[in-house]
Amino acid sequence: MPTVAQSAMRGIACRCPRCGKGKVKYQPPFWVHAALWLPLILATTLLPMRSMKSLLIALQFHHKAAEGRLIDREPK
């Protein structure tokens, strides 16, 4: 029977707290990642784009943003 410290250390190392053997990890195939992540990425980037653009324009209007200008400097 392992001690509490041994069980805790095994848990931190992602090993079985009872026997201390290897990691039990799930690795889904690539198609599962593609089916989950591609729609999520598209939804979180493309959907808010229109509202973020309108927010940017509204903030520029509010702060009276103008076209950028270079400062004229006279040669010394």
N, C-alpha and C. Protein backbone atom coordinates (compact mmCIF):
# COMPACT_ATOMS: atom_id res chain seq x y z
N MET A 1 0.85 -1.17 0.00
CA MET A 1 0.00 0.00 0.00
C MET A 1 0.90 1.24 0.00
N PRO A 2 0.78 2.10 -1.04
CA PRO A 2 1.62 3.30 -1.10
C PRO A 2 1.18 4.33 -0.06
N THR A 3 2.13 5.16 0.32
CA THR A 3 1.82 6.24 1.26
C THR A 3 1.09 7.35 0.52
N VAL A 4 0.58 8.30 1.31
CA VAL A 4 -0.12 9.43 0.71
C VAL A 4 0.84 10.23 -0.18
N ALA A 5 2.07 10.41 0.26
CA ALA A 5 3.05 11.16 -0.52
C ALA A 5 3.35 10.45 -1.83
N GLN A 6 3.49 9.12 -1.78
CA GLN A 6 3.76 8.35 -3.00
C GLN A 6 2.59 8.46 -3.98
N SER A 7 1.38 8.34 -3.48
CA SER A 7 0.21 8.46 -4.34
C SER A 7 0.13 9.85 -4.96
N ALA A 8 0.41 10.88 -4.17
CA ALA A 8 0.38 12.25 -4.68
C ALA A 8 1.44 12.45 -5.77
N MET A 9 2.64 11.96 -5.53
CA MET A 9 3.71 12.10 -6.52
C MET A 9 3.38 11.34 -7.80
N ARG A 10 2.79 10.17 -7.66
CA ARG A 10 2.39 9.41 -8.84
C ARG A 10 1.29 10.13 -9.61
N GLY A 11 0.38 10.75 -8.89
CA GLY A 11 -0.67 11.52 -9.54
C GLY A 11 -0.13 12.72 -10.29
N ILE A 12 0.84 13.43 -9.68
CA ILE A 12 1.47 14.57 -10.35
C ILE A 12 2.21 14.12 -11.61
N ALA A 13 2.80 12.92 -11.55
CA ALA A 13 3.51 12.38 -12.70
C ALA A 13 2.59 11.74 -13.72
N CYS A 14 1.28 11.84 -13.51
CA CYS A 14 0.26 11.25 -14.40
C CYS A 14 0.40 9.73 -14.50
N ARG A 15 0.66 9.12 -13.38
CA ARG A 15 0.77 7.67 -13.33
C ARG A 15 -0.31 7.13 -12.39
N CYS A 16 -0.52 5.85 -12.44
CA CYS A 16 -1.52 5.21 -11.59
C CYS A 16 -1.12 5.38 -10.13
N PRO A 17 -2.03 5.90 -9.28
CA PRO A 17 -1.68 6.11 -7.87
C PRO A 17 -1.47 4.81 -7.11
N ARG A 18 -2.03 3.72 -7.60
CA ARG A 18 -1.89 2.45 -6.90
C ARG A 18 -0.59 1.73 -7.27
N CYS A 19 -0.34 1.54 -8.56
CA CYS A 19 0.82 0.75 -8.97
C CYS A 19 1.98 1.60 -9.49
N GLY A 20 1.72 2.83 -9.91
CA GLY A 20 2.78 3.71 -10.39
C GLY A 20 3.18 3.47 -11.83
N LYS A 21 2.41 2.64 -12.55
CA LYS A 21 2.77 2.36 -13.94
C LYS A 21 2.24 3.43 -14.86
N GLY A 22 2.84 3.48 -16.05
CA GLY A 22 2.62 4.40 -17.17
C GLY A 22 1.42 5.30 -17.21
N LYS A 23 1.48 6.17 -18.14
CA LYS A 23 0.42 7.15 -18.35
C LYS A 23 -0.73 6.50 -19.12
N VAL A 24 -2.02 6.66 -18.68
CA VAL A 24 -3.22 6.22 -19.40
C VAL A 24 -3.80 7.42 -20.10
N LYS A 25 -3.40 7.67 -21.37
CA LYS A 25 -3.82 8.89 -22.07
C LYS A 25 -4.60 8.54 -23.32
N TYR A 26 -5.50 9.43 -23.65
CA TYR A 26 -6.35 9.26 -24.82
C TYR A 26 -5.84 10.18 -25.92
N GLN A 27 -5.56 9.61 -27.08
CA GLN A 27 -5.11 10.38 -28.22
C GLN A 27 -6.07 10.12 -29.38
N PRO A 28 -7.02 11.02 -29.60
CA PRO A 28 -7.97 10.82 -30.69
C PRO A 28 -7.27 10.93 -32.04
N PRO A 29 -7.83 10.30 -33.06
CA PRO A 29 -7.23 10.39 -34.38
C PRO A 29 -7.35 11.81 -34.95
N PHE A 30 -6.60 12.06 -36.00
CA PHE A 30 -6.54 13.39 -36.60
C PHE A 30 -7.92 13.89 -37.04
N TRP A 31 -8.74 13.01 -37.59
CA TRP A 31 -10.04 13.44 -38.10
C TRP A 31 -10.94 13.98 -37.00
N VAL A 32 -10.77 13.47 -35.78
CA VAL A 32 -11.56 13.98 -34.65
C VAL A 32 -11.11 15.41 -34.32
N HIS A 33 -9.79 15.63 -34.32
CA HIS A 33 -9.28 16.98 -34.08
C HIS A 33 -9.79 17.93 -35.16
N ALA A 34 -9.72 17.52 -36.42
CA ALA A 34 -10.16 18.37 -37.52
C ALA A 34 -11.66 18.66 -37.41
N ALA A 35 -12.44 17.66 -37.06
CA ALA A 35 -13.89 17.85 -36.96
C ALA A 35 -14.25 18.79 -35.81
N LEU A 36 -13.45 18.83 -34.77
CA LEU A 36 -13.75 19.69 -33.63
C LEU A 36 -13.13 21.08 -33.76
N TRP A 37 -11.85 21.13 -34.10
CA TRP A 37 -11.12 22.39 -34.06
C TRP A 37 -11.39 23.31 -35.24
N LEU A 38 -11.53 22.78 -36.45
CA LEU A 38 -11.76 23.66 -37.60
C LEU A 38 -13.04 24.48 -37.47
N PRO A 39 -14.18 23.88 -37.15
CA PRO A 39 -15.37 24.72 -36.96
C PRO A 39 -15.24 25.68 -35.78
N LEU A 40 -14.60 25.24 -34.72
CA LEU A 40 -14.43 26.12 -33.55
C LEU A 40 -13.57 27.33 -33.90
N ILE A 41 -12.48 27.12 -34.60
CA ILE A 41 -11.60 28.23 -34.99
C ILE A 41 -12.32 29.18 -35.93
N LEU A 42 -13.04 28.63 -36.90
CA LEU A 42 -13.77 29.48 -37.83
C LEU A 42 -14.86 30.28 -37.12
N ALA A 43 -15.55 29.65 -36.21
CA ALA A 43 -16.63 30.33 -35.49
C ALA A 43 -16.11 31.44 -34.59
N THR A 44 -14.96 31.22 -33.95
CA THR A 44 -14.45 32.22 -33.02
C THR A 44 -13.67 33.33 -33.70
N THR A 45 -13.33 33.17 -34.98
CA THR A 45 -12.61 34.24 -35.68
C THR A 45 -13.48 34.96 -36.70
N LEU A 46 -14.25 34.24 -37.47
CA LEU A 46 -15.01 34.88 -38.54
C LEU A 46 -16.32 35.50 -38.06
N LEU A 47 -17.00 34.87 -37.15
CA LEU A 47 -18.29 35.41 -36.70
C LEU A 47 -18.18 36.78 -36.03
N PRO A 48 -17.23 37.00 -35.13
CA PRO A 48 -17.17 38.32 -34.50
C PRO A 48 -16.45 39.38 -35.34
N MET A 49 -15.96 39.03 -36.53
CA MET A 49 -15.17 39.98 -37.31
C MET A 49 -15.96 41.23 -37.69
N ARG A 50 -17.20 41.09 -38.11
CA ARG A 50 -18.00 42.25 -38.52
C ARG A 50 -18.25 43.18 -37.35
N SER A 51 -18.61 42.63 -36.20
CA SER A 51 -18.87 43.50 -35.04
C SER A 51 -17.59 44.15 -34.53
N MET A 52 -16.44 43.46 -34.61
CA MET A 52 -15.18 44.05 -34.18
C MET A 52 -14.76 45.19 -35.12
N LYS A 53 -15.01 45.02 -36.42
CA LYS A 53 -14.70 46.08 -37.37
C LYS A 53 -15.57 47.30 -37.11
N SER A 54 -16.85 47.09 -36.85
CA SER A 54 -17.73 48.23 -36.58
C SER A 54 -17.36 48.91 -35.25
N LEU A 55 -16.92 48.14 -34.28
CA LEU A 55 -16.45 48.72 -33.02
C LEU A 55 -15.22 49.58 -33.25
N LEU A 56 -14.29 49.10 -34.07
CA LEU A 56 -13.08 49.86 -34.38
C LEU A 56 -13.43 51.19 -35.05
N ILE A 57 -14.34 51.16 -36.01
CA ILE A 57 -14.75 52.38 -36.70
C ILE A 57 -15.45 53.34 -35.74
N ALA A 58 -16.29 52.82 -34.87
CA ALA A 58 -16.98 53.67 -33.89
C ALA A 58 -15.99 54.33 -32.93
N LEU A 59 -14.99 53.59 -32.50
CA LEU A 59 -13.98 54.17 -31.61
C LEU A 59 -13.13 55.22 -32.32
N GLN A 60 -12.80 54.97 -33.58
CA GLN A 60 -12.06 55.98 -34.34
C GLN A 60 -12.88 57.25 -34.48
N PHE A 61 -14.17 57.12 -34.75
CA PHE A 61 -15.05 58.29 -34.88
C PHE A 61 -15.14 59.03 -33.55
N HIS A 62 -15.29 58.28 -32.46
CA HIS A 62 -15.42 58.89 -31.14
C HIS A 62 -14.18 59.70 -30.75
N HIS A 63 -13.01 59.17 -31.09
CA HIS A 63 -11.75 59.82 -30.72
C HIS A 63 -11.25 60.78 -31.81
N LYS A 64 -12.10 61.03 -32.81
CA LYS A 64 -11.78 61.96 -33.90
C LYS A 64 -10.46 61.61 -34.57
N ALA A 65 -10.32 60.35 -34.91
CA ALA A 65 -9.11 59.89 -35.57
C ALA A 65 -9.01 60.54 -36.95
N ALA A 66 -7.81 60.93 -37.31
CA ALA A 66 -7.59 61.56 -38.61
C ALA A 66 -6.50 60.80 -39.35
N GLU A 67 -6.33 61.16 -40.60
CA GLU A 67 -5.30 60.54 -41.42
C GLU A 67 -3.93 60.86 -40.84
N GLY A 68 -3.04 59.92 -40.88
CA GLY A 68 -1.70 60.14 -40.34
C GLY A 68 -0.93 61.19 -41.13
N ARG A 69 -0.12 62.00 -40.44
CA ARG A 69 0.67 63.03 -41.09
C ARG A 69 2.11 62.97 -40.57
N LEU A 70 3.03 63.29 -41.45
CA LEU A 70 4.43 63.39 -41.05
C LEU A 70 4.70 64.82 -40.61
N ILE A 71 5.55 64.97 -39.63
CA ILE A 71 5.90 66.30 -39.14
C ILE A 71 6.94 66.90 -40.08
N ASP A 72 6.68 68.12 -40.56
CA ASP A 72 7.65 68.79 -41.42
C ASP A 72 8.79 69.29 -40.55
N ARG A 73 9.99 68.92 -40.90
CA ARG A 73 11.17 69.38 -40.16
C ARG A 73 12.08 70.11 -41.11
N GLU A 74 12.58 71.21 -40.66
CA GLU A 74 13.49 71.99 -41.49
C GLU A 74 14.91 71.47 -41.29
N PRO A 75 15.65 71.34 -42.38
CA PRO A 75 17.06 70.90 -42.23
C PRO A 75 17.87 71.93 -41.47
N LYS A 76 18.79 71.46 -40.67
CA LYS A 76 19.63 72.37 -39.86
C LYS A 76 20.92 72.70 -40.55
